[in-house]
All heavy atoms as atom14 arrays in JSON, in Angstrom:
{
  "sequence": "EGKKDGELHQPKIFTPKNEAQKIVEYLQNKNSERDNNKP",
  "atom14_mask": [
    [1, 1, 1, 1, 1, 1, 1, 1, 1, 0, 0, 0, 0, 0],
    [1, 1, 1, 1, 0, 0, 0, 0, 0, 0, 0, 0, 0, 0],
    [1, 1, 1, 1, 1, 1, 1, 1, 1, 0, 0, 0, 0, 0],
    [1, 1, 1, 1, 1, 1, 1, 1, 1, 0, 0, 0, 0, 0],
    [1, 1, 1, 1, 1, 1, 1, 1, 0, 0, 0, 0, 0, 0],
    [1, 1, 1, 1, 0, 0, 0, 0, 0, 0, 0, 0, 0, 0],
    [1, 1, 1, 1, 1, 1, 1, 1, 1, 0, 0, 0, 0, 0],
    [1, 1, 1, 1, 1, 1, 1, 1, 0, 0, 0, 0, 0, 0],
    [1, 1, 1, 1, 1, 1, 1, 1, 1, 1, 0, 0, 0, 0],
    [1, 1, 1, 1, 1, 1, 1, 1, 1, 0, 0, 0, 0, 0],
    [1, 1, 1, 1, 1, 1, 1, 0, 0, 0, 0, 0, 0, 0],
    [1, 1, 1, 1, 1, 1, 1, 1, 1, 0, 0, 0, 0, 0],
    [1, 1, 1, 1, 1, 1, 1, 1, 0, 0, 0, 0, 0, 0],
    [1, 1, 1, 1, 1, 1, 1, 1, 1, 1, 1, 0, 0, 0],
    [1, 1, 1, 1, 1, 1, 1, 0, 0, 0, 0, 0, 0, 0],
    [1, 1, 1, 1, 1, 1, 1, 0, 0, 0, 0, 0, 0, 0],
    [1, 1, 1, 1, 1, 1, 1, 1, 1, 0, 0, 0, 0, 0],
    [1, 1, 1, 1, 1, 1, 1, 1, 0, 0, 0, 0, 0, 0],
    [1, 1, 1, 1, 1, 1, 1, 1, 1, 0, 0, 0, 0, 0],
    [1, 1, 1, 1, 1, 0, 0, 0, 0, 0, 0, 0, 0, 0],
    [1, 1, 1, 1, 1, 1, 1, 1, 1, 0, 0, 0, 0, 0],
    [1, 1, 1, 1, 1, 1, 1, 1, 1, 0, 0, 0, 0, 0],
    [1, 1, 1, 1, 1, 1, 1, 1, 0, 0, 0, 0, 0, 0],
    [1, 1, 1, 1, 1, 1, 1, 0, 0, 0, 0, 0, 0, 0],
    [1, 1, 1, 1, 1, 1, 1, 1, 1, 0, 0, 0, 0, 0],
    [1, 1, 1, 1, 1, 1, 1, 1, 1, 1, 1, 1, 0, 0],
    [1, 1, 1, 1, 1, 1, 1, 1, 0, 0, 0, 0, 0, 0],
    [1, 1, 1, 1, 1, 1, 1, 1, 1, 0, 0, 0, 0, 0],
    [1, 1, 1, 1, 1, 1, 1, 1, 0, 0, 0, 0, 0, 0],
    [1, 1, 1, 1, 1, 1, 1, 1, 1, 0, 0, 0, 0, 0],
    [1, 1, 1, 1, 1, 1, 1, 1, 0, 0, 0, 0, 0, 0],
    [1, 1, 1, 1, 1, 1, 0, 0, 0, 0, 0, 0, 0, 0],
    [1, 1, 1, 1, 1, 1, 1, 1, 1, 0, 0, 0, 0, 0],
    [1, 1, 1, 1, 1, 1, 1, 1, 1, 1, 1, 0, 0, 0],
    [1, 1, 1, 1, 1, 1, 1, 1, 0, 0, 0, 0, 0, 0],
    [1, 1, 1, 1, 1, 1, 1, 1, 0, 0, 0, 0, 0, 0],
    [1, 1, 1, 1, 1, 1, 1, 1, 0, 0, 0, 0, 0, 0],
    [1, 1, 1, 1, 1, 1, 1, 1, 1, 0, 0, 0, 0, 0],
    [1, 1, 1, 1, 1, 1, 1, 0, 0, 0, 0, 0, 0, 0]
  ],
  "atom14_positions": [
    [[-30.46, -0.14, -67.77], [-29.75, 0.43, -66.62], [-29.46, 1.92, -66.8], [-28.38, 2.41, -66.45], [-28.46, -0.35, -66.32], [-28.75, -1.8, -65.96], [-27.48, -2.59, -65.66], [-26.37, -2.06, -65.88], [-27.61, -3.74, -65.19], [0.0, 0.0, 0.0], [0.0, 0.0, 0.0], [0.0, 0.0, 0.0], [0.0, 0.0, 0.0], [0.0, 0.0, 0.0]],
    [[-30.4, 2.66, -67.37], [-30.26, 4.1, -67.48], [-29.42, 4.61, -68.62], [-29.22, 5.83, -68.75], [0.0, 0.0, 0.0], [0.0, 0.0, 0.0], [0.0, 0.0, 0.0], [0.0, 0.0, 0.0], [0.0, 0.0, 0.0], [0.0, 0.0, 0.0], [0.0, 0.0, 0.0], [0.0, 0.0, 0.0], [0.0, 0.0, 0.0], [0.0, 0.0, 0.0]],
    [[-28.95, 3.73, -69.47], [-28.11, 4.16, -70.57], [-28.93, 4.83, -71.66], [-30.15, 4.71, -71.73], [-27.33, 2.97, -71.14], [-26.34, 2.39, -70.13], [-25.63, 1.16, -70.68], [-24.67, 0.61, -69.64], [-24.05, -0.67, -70.08], [0.0, 0.0, 0.0], [0.0, 0.0, 0.0], [0.0, 0.0, 0.0], [0.0, 0.0, 0.0], [0.0, 0.0, 0.0]],
    [[-28.23, 5.53, -72.54], [-28.89, 6.25, -73.64], [-29.03, 5.35, -74.85], [-28.31, 4.35, -75.01], [-28.09, 7.5, -73.99], [-28.01, 8.53, -72.89], [-27.15, 9.72, -73.31], [-27.02, 10.76, -72.17], [-26.12, 11.87, -72.56], [0.0, 0.0, 0.0], [0.0, 0.0, 0.0], [0.0, 0.0, 0.0], [0.0, 0.0, 0.0], [0.0, 0.0, 0.0]],
    [[-29.91, 5.74, -75.75], [-30.07, 5.06, -77.04], [-28.73, 5.11, -77.79], [-28.2, 6.18, -78.06], [-31.16, 5.77, -77.86], [-31.7, 4.94, -78.99], [-31.09, 3.91, -79.32], [-32.73, 5.32, -79.57], [0.0, 0.0, 0.0], [0.0, 0.0, 0.0], [0.0, 0.0, 0.0], [0.0, 0.0, 0.0], [0.0, 0.0, 0.0], [0.0, 0.0, 0.0]],
    [[-28.2, 3.94, -78.11], [-26.91, 3.87, -78.8], [-25.77, 3.45, -77.89], [-24.69, 3.08, -78.39], [0.0, 0.0, 0.0], [0.0, 0.0, 0.0], [0.0, 0.0, 0.0], [0.0, 0.0, 0.0], [0.0, 0.0, 0.0], [0.0, 0.0, 0.0], [0.0, 0.0, 0.0], [0.0, 0.0, 0.0], [0.0, 0.0, 0.0], [0.0, 0.0, 0.0]],
    [[-25.97, 3.52, -76.58], [-24.95, 3.04, -75.64], [-25.11, 1.55, -75.45], [-26.19, 1.04, -75.21], [-25.05, 3.75, -74.29], [-24.62, 5.2, -74.33], [-24.57, 5.79, -72.94], [-23.53, 5.7, -72.27], [-25.61, 6.35, -72.49], [0.0, 0.0, 0.0], [0.0, 0.0, 0.0], [0.0, 0.0, 0.0], [0.0, 0.0, 0.0], [0.0, 0.0, 0.0]],
    [[-23.99, 0.83, -75.52], [-24.01, -0.64, -75.43], [-24.38, -1.09, -74.03], [-23.86, -0.6, -73.03], [-22.64, -1.2, -75.82], [-22.46, -2.72, -75.68], [-23.41, -3.47, -76.59], [-21.01, -3.1, -75.98], [0.0, 0.0, 0.0], [0.0, 0.0, 0.0], [0.0, 0.0, 0.0], [0.0, 0.0, 0.0], [0.0, 0.0, 0.0], [0.0, 0.0, 0.0]],
    [[-25.27, -2.09, -73.97], [-25.66, -2.72, -72.73], [-25.49, -4.24, -72.89], [-25.87, -4.79, -73.93], [-27.11, -2.4, -72.38], [-27.62, -3.05, -71.15], [-27.03, -2.89, -69.91], [-28.68, -3.89, -70.94], [-27.69, -3.57, -69.01], [-28.69, -4.2, -69.6], [0.0, 0.0, 0.0], [0.0, 0.0, 0.0], [0.0, 0.0, 0.0], [0.0, 0.0, 0.0]],
    [[-24.9, -4.88, -71.91], [-24.67, -6.32, -71.96], [-25.25, -6.98, -70.7], [-24.58, -7.12, -69.71], [-23.19, -6.64, -72.11], [-22.61, -6.19, -73.46], [-21.16, -6.48, -73.62], [-20.31, -5.67, -73.23], [-20.82, -7.63, -74.17], [0.0, 0.0, 0.0], [0.0, 0.0, 0.0], [0.0, 0.0, 0.0], [0.0, 0.0, 0.0], [0.0, 0.0, 0.0]],
    [[-26.52, -7.39, -70.76], [-27.18, -7.95, -69.58], [-26.7, -9.32, -69.16], [-26.91, -9.73, -68.03], [-28.66, -7.99, -69.99], [-28.63, -8.09, -71.47], [-27.43, -7.31, -71.92], [0.0, 0.0, 0.0], [0.0, 0.0, 0.0], [0.0, 0.0, 0.0], [0.0, 0.0, 0.0], [0.0, 0.0, 0.0], [0.0, 0.0, 0.0], [0.0, 0.0, 0.0]],
    [[-26.09, -10.07, -70.12], [-25.59, -11.42, -69.86], [-26.7, -12.33, -69.28], [-26.51, -13.03, -68.29], [-24.36, -11.38, -68.92], [-23.19, -10.66, -69.54], [-21.93, -10.79, -68.71], [-20.78, -10.0, -69.31], [-20.41, -10.43, -70.66], [0.0, 0.0, 0.0], [0.0, 0.0, 0.0], [0.0, 0.0, 0.0], [0.0, 0.0, 0.0], [0.0, 0.0, 0.0]],
    [[-27.84, -12.26, -69.93], [-29.0, -13.1, -69.6], [-29.42, -13.81, -70.89], [-29.37, -13.22, -71.98], [-30.18, -12.26, -69.06], [-29.74, -11.46, -67.82], [-31.38, -13.14, -68.73], [-30.79, -10.46, -67.34], [0.0, 0.0, 0.0], [0.0, 0.0, 0.0], [0.0, 0.0, 0.0], [0.0, 0.0, 0.0], [0.0, 0.0, 0.0], [0.0, 0.0, 0.0]],
    [[-29.84, -15.04, -70.79], [-30.32, -15.81, -71.94], [-31.35, -14.98, -72.69], [-32.33, -14.49, -72.1], [-30.92, -17.14, -71.46], [-31.23, -18.1, -72.55], [-30.25, -18.56, -73.43], [-32.51, -18.62, -72.68], [-30.56, -19.48, -74.42], [-32.83, -19.54, -73.67], [-31.83, -19.96, -74.54], [0.0, 0.0, 0.0], [0.0, 0.0, 0.0], [0.0, 0.0, 0.0]],
    [[-31.15, -14.75, -73.97], [-31.95, -13.74, -74.69], [-33.47, -13.97, -74.65], [-34.21, -13.0, -74.45], [-31.48, -13.57, -76.15], [-31.46, -14.85, -76.79], [-30.1, -12.95, -76.2], [0.0, 0.0, 0.0], [0.0, 0.0, 0.0], [0.0, 0.0, 0.0], [0.0, 0.0, 0.0], [0.0, 0.0, 0.0], [0.0, 0.0, 0.0], [0.0, 0.0, 0.0]],
    [[-34.0, -15.17, -74.84], [-35.45, -15.33, -74.75], [-35.99, -14.94, -73.36], [-37.06, -14.32, -73.27], [-35.68, -16.83, -75.04], [-34.5, -17.24, -75.84], [-33.35, -16.45, -75.28], [0.0, 0.0, 0.0], [0.0, 0.0, 0.0], [0.0, 0.0, 0.0], [0.0, 0.0, 0.0], [0.0, 0.0, 0.0], [0.0, 0.0, 0.0], [0.0, 0.0, 0.0]],
    [[-35.24, -15.28, -72.33], [-35.66, -14.93, -70.96], [-35.63, -13.41, -70.78], [-36.6, -12.81, -70.26], [-34.74, -15.57, -69.95], [-35.05, -15.23, -68.51], [-34.09, -15.92, -67.54], [-34.43, -15.59, -66.09], [-33.51, -16.28, -65.14], [0.0, 0.0, 0.0], [0.0, 0.0, 0.0], [0.0, 0.0, 0.0], [0.0, 0.0, 0.0], [0.0, 0.0, 0.0]],
    [[-34.55, -12.78, -71.22], [-34.41, -11.34, -71.07], [-35.48, -10.58, -71.84], [-36.11, -9.66, -71.31], [-33.01, -10.93, -71.56], [-32.75, -9.45, -71.39], [-32.99, -8.88, -70.32], [-32.27, -8.82, -72.44], [0.0, 0.0, 0.0], [0.0, 0.0, 0.0], [0.0, 0.0, 0.0], [0.0, 0.0, 0.0], [0.0, 0.0, 0.0], [0.0, 0.0, 0.0]],
    [[-35.7, -10.98, -73.1], [-36.69, -10.28, -73.93], [-38.11, -10.53, -73.42], [-38.94, -9.6, -73.46], [-36.54, -10.72, -75.37], [-35.26, -10.21, -76.03], [-34.8, -11.0, -77.23], [-35.59, -11.88, -77.71], [-33.66, -10.82, -77.69], [0.0, 0.0, 0.0], [0.0, 0.0, 0.0], [0.0, 0.0, 0.0], [0.0, 0.0, 0.0], [0.0, 0.0, 0.0]],
    [[-38.4, -11.74, -72.96], [-39.73, -12.01, -72.41], [-40.02, -11.1, -71.2], [-41.14, -10.61, -71.04], [-39.86, -13.48, -72.03], [0.0, 0.0, 0.0], [0.0, 0.0, 0.0], [0.0, 0.0, 0.0], [0.0, 0.0, 0.0], [0.0, 0.0, 0.0], [0.0, 0.0, 0.0], [0.0, 0.0, 0.0], [0.0, 0.0, 0.0], [0.0, 0.0, 0.0]],
    [[-38.99, -10.91, -70.35], [-39.16, -10.02, -69.17], [-39.49, -8.61, -69.62], [-40.39, -7.95, -69.05], [-37.89, -10.02, -68.32], [-37.62, -11.31, -67.59], [-36.27, -11.32, -66.89], [-35.38, -10.52, -67.21], [-36.09, -12.23, -65.96], [0.0, 0.0, 0.0], [0.0, 0.0, 0.0], [0.0, 0.0, 0.0], [0.0, 0.0, 0.0], [0.0, 0.0, 0.0]],
    [[-38.8, -8.14, -70.64], [-39.02, -6.77, -71.14], [-40.39, -6.64, -71.78], [-41.07, -5.6, -71.65], [-37.94, -6.36, -72.12], [-36.54, -6.36, -71.53], [-36.42, -5.37, -70.37], [-35.05, -5.35, -69.73], [-34.75, -6.53, -68.92], [0.0, 0.0, 0.0], [0.0, 0.0, 0.0], [0.0, 0.0, 0.0], [0.0, 0.0, 0.0], [0.0, 0.0, 0.0]],
    [[-40.84, -7.66, -72.46], [-42.18, -7.64, -73.09], [-43.26, -7.63, -72.02], [-44.24, -6.9, -72.13], [-42.33, -8.83, -74.03], [-41.42, -8.66, -75.25], [-43.81, -8.97, -74.47], [-41.36, -9.87, -76.15], [0.0, 0.0, 0.0], [0.0, 0.0, 0.0], [0.0, 0.0, 0.0], [0.0, 0.0, 0.0], [0.0, 0.0, 0.0], [0.0, 0.0, 0.0]],
    [[-43.09, -8.43, -70.96], [-44.05, -8.43, -69.87], [-44.15, -7.05, -69.23], [-45.25, -6.54, -68.97], [-43.65, -9.5, -68.81], [-44.45, -9.31, -67.53], [-43.89, -10.91, -69.37], [0.0, 0.0, 0.0], [0.0, 0.0, 0.0], [0.0, 0.0, 0.0], [0.0, 0.0, 0.0], [0.0, 0.0, 0.0], [0.0, 0.0, 0.0], [0.0, 0.0, 0.0]],
    [[-43.01, -6.4, -69.02], [-43.01, -5.06, -68.45], [-43.7, -4.07, -69.39], [-44.44, -3.16, -68.94], [-41.57, -4.61, -68.19], [-40.9, -5.38, -67.07], [-39.38, -5.14, -67.0], [-38.89, -4.28, -67.77], [-38.72, -5.83, -66.21], [0.0, 0.0, 0.0], [0.0, 0.0, 0.0], [0.0, 0.0, 0.0], [0.0, 0.0, 0.0], [0.0, 0.0, 0.0]],
    [[-43.48, -4.23, -70.69], [-44.15, -3.38, -71.68], [-45.66, -3.56, -71.64], [-46.42, -2.58, -71.67], [-43.59, -3.7, -73.07], [-44.28, -2.96, -74.2], [-43.93, -1.65, -74.51], [-45.26, -3.57, -74.96], [-44.55, -0.96, -75.55], [-45.88, -2.9, -76.02], [-45.53, -1.6, -76.29], [-46.14, -0.94, -77.33], [0.0, 0.0, 0.0], [0.0, 0.0, 0.0]],
    [[-46.1, -4.79, -71.53], [-47.54, -5.07, -71.48], [-48.17, -4.52, -70.2], [-49.28, -4.01, -70.2], [-47.79, -6.57, -71.6], [-47.45, -7.21, -72.97], [-47.57, -8.72, -72.88], [-48.36, -6.66, -74.07], [0.0, 0.0, 0.0], [0.0, 0.0, 0.0], [0.0, 0.0, 0.0], [0.0, 0.0, 0.0], [0.0, 0.0, 0.0], [0.0, 0.0, 0.0]],
    [[-47.43, -4.61, -69.09], [-47.94, -4.09, -67.82], [-47.99, -2.57, -67.83], [-48.82, -1.96, -67.15], [-47.05, -4.58, -66.68], [-47.17, -6.08, -66.44], [-46.16, -6.61, -65.41], [-45.18, -5.91, -65.09], [-46.39, -7.81, -64.91], [0.0, 0.0, 0.0], [0.0, 0.0, 0.0], [0.0, 0.0, 0.0], [0.0, 0.0, 0.0], [0.0, 0.0, 0.0]],
    [[-47.08, -1.95, -68.58], [-47.1, -0.5, -68.81], [-47.08, 0.32, -67.53], [-47.75, 1.36, -67.41], [-48.33, -0.12, -69.65], [-48.15, 1.21, -70.36], [-47.04, 1.63, -70.64], [-49.26, 1.88, -70.66], [0.0, 0.0, 0.0], [0.0, 0.0, 0.0], [0.0, 0.0, 0.0], [0.0, 0.0, 0.0], [0.0, 0.0, 0.0], [0.0, 0.0, 0.0]],
    [[-46.28, -0.11, -66.59], [-46.21, 0.6, -65.3], [-45.58, 1.97, -65.43], [-45.84, 2.86, -64.64], [-45.42, -0.25, -64.31], [-46.14, -1.53, -63.88], [-45.32, -2.34, -62.9], [-46.05, -3.61, -62.5], [-45.25, -4.45, -61.56], [0.0, 0.0, 0.0], [0.0, 0.0, 0.0], [0.0, 0.0, 0.0], [0.0, 0.0, 0.0], [0.0, 0.0, 0.0]],
    [[-44.76, 2.15, -66.47], [-44.08, 3.43, -66.67], [-44.74, 4.29, -67.77], [-44.14, 5.26, -68.23], [-42.62, 3.2, -67.01], [-41.87, 2.52, -65.88], [-42.0, 2.91, -64.71], [-41.08, 1.5, -66.23], [0.0, 0.0, 0.0], [0.0, 0.0, 0.0], [0.0, 0.0, 0.0], [0.0, 0.0, 0.0], [0.0, 0.0, 0.0], [0.0, 0.0, 0.0]],
    [[-45.94, 3.88, -68.17], [-46.73, 4.63, -69.17], [-45.92, 4.89, -70.44], [-45.91, 6.01, -70.98], [-47.23, 5.95, -68.57], [-48.03, 5.73, -67.44], [0.0, 0.0, 0.0], [0.0, 0.0, 0.0], [0.0, 0.0, 0.0], [0.0, 0.0, 0.0], [0.0, 0.0, 0.0], [0.0, 0.0, 0.0], [0.0, 0.0, 0.0], [0.0, 0.0, 0.0]],
    [[-45.29, 3.84, -70.93], [-44.48, 3.97, -72.13], [-45.27, 3.72, -73.4], [-44.74, 3.81, -74.5], [-43.28, 3.02, -72.04], [-42.24, 3.52, -71.08], [-41.47, 2.39, -70.4], [-41.9, 1.23, -70.45], [-40.43, 2.69, -69.77], [0.0, 0.0, 0.0], [0.0, 0.0, 0.0], [0.0, 0.0, 0.0], [0.0, 0.0, 0.0], [0.0, 0.0, 0.0]],
    [[-46.54, 3.39, -73.26], [-47.43, 3.31, -74.41], [-48.81, 3.8, -73.99], [-49.09, 3.93, -72.77], [-47.53, 1.87, -74.91], [-48.1, 0.85, -73.93], [-48.07, -0.56, -74.51], [-48.56, -1.55, -73.56], [-49.84, -1.9, -73.4], [-50.77, -1.34, -74.17], [-50.19, -2.79, -72.51], [0.0, 0.0, 0.0], [0.0, 0.0, 0.0], [0.0, 0.0, 0.0]],
    [[-49.64, 4.06, -74.94], [-51.0, 4.56, -74.7], [-51.93, 3.37, -74.56], [-52.19, 2.65, -75.55], [-51.41, 5.47, -75.85], [-52.77, 6.12, -75.62], [-53.49, 5.69, -74.71], [-53.09, 7.07, -76.37], [0.0, 0.0, 0.0], [0.0, 0.0, 0.0], [0.0, 0.0, 0.0], [0.0, 0.0, 0.0], [0.0, 0.0, 0.0], [0.0, 0.0, 0.0]],
    [[-52.46, 3.14, -73.37], [-53.35, 1.99, -73.14], [-54.62, 2.04, -73.96], [-55.3, 1.02, -74.13], [-53.71, 1.9, -71.65], [-52.62, 1.26, -70.83], [-51.89, 0.39, -71.32], [-52.48, 1.67, -69.59], [0.0, 0.0, 0.0], [0.0, 0.0, 0.0], [0.0, 0.0, 0.0], [0.0, 0.0, 0.0], [0.0, 0.0, 0.0], [0.0, 0.0, 0.0]],
    [[-54.96, 3.21, -74.47], [-56.18, 3.34, -75.27], [-55.96, 2.93, -76.73], [-56.9, 2.85, -77.49], [-56.69, 4.79, -75.21], [-57.16, 5.17, -73.83], [-57.86, 4.4, -73.16], [-56.75, 6.33, -73.38], [0.0, 0.0, 0.0], [0.0, 0.0, 0.0], [0.0, 0.0, 0.0], [0.0, 0.0, 0.0], [0.0, 0.0, 0.0], [0.0, 0.0, 0.0]],
    [[-54.7, 2.71, -77.09], [-54.38, 2.29, -78.44], [-54.07, 0.79, -78.49], [-53.55, 0.24, -77.52], [-53.15, 3.05, -78.95], [-53.34, 4.53, -79.21], [-52.04, 5.09, -79.78], [-52.17, 6.57, -80.12], [-50.89, 7.09, -80.7], [0.0, 0.0, 0.0], [0.0, 0.0, 0.0], [0.0, 0.0, 0.0], [0.0, 0.0, 0.0], [0.0, 0.0, 0.0]],
    [[-54.35, 0.16, -79.61], [-53.86, -1.21, -79.79], [-52.36, -1.16, -80.02], [-51.79, -0.12, -80.33], [-54.62, -1.7, -81.01], [-54.89, -0.45, -81.8], [-55.1, 0.64, -80.78], [0.0, 0.0, 0.0], [0.0, 0.0, 0.0], [0.0, 0.0, 0.0], [0.0, 0.0, 0.0], [0.0, 0.0, 0.0], [0.0, 0.0, 0.0], [0.0, 0.0, 0.0]]
  ]
}
């Protein structure tokens, strides 16, 4: 939610569900947060 590295965030979502959502977003790479040409 726009916070900085080190600022506490409490999503209050079951952790496997929350982390799976974030991993899916990372794999989709809509925000170009990784280089698609790299493994």
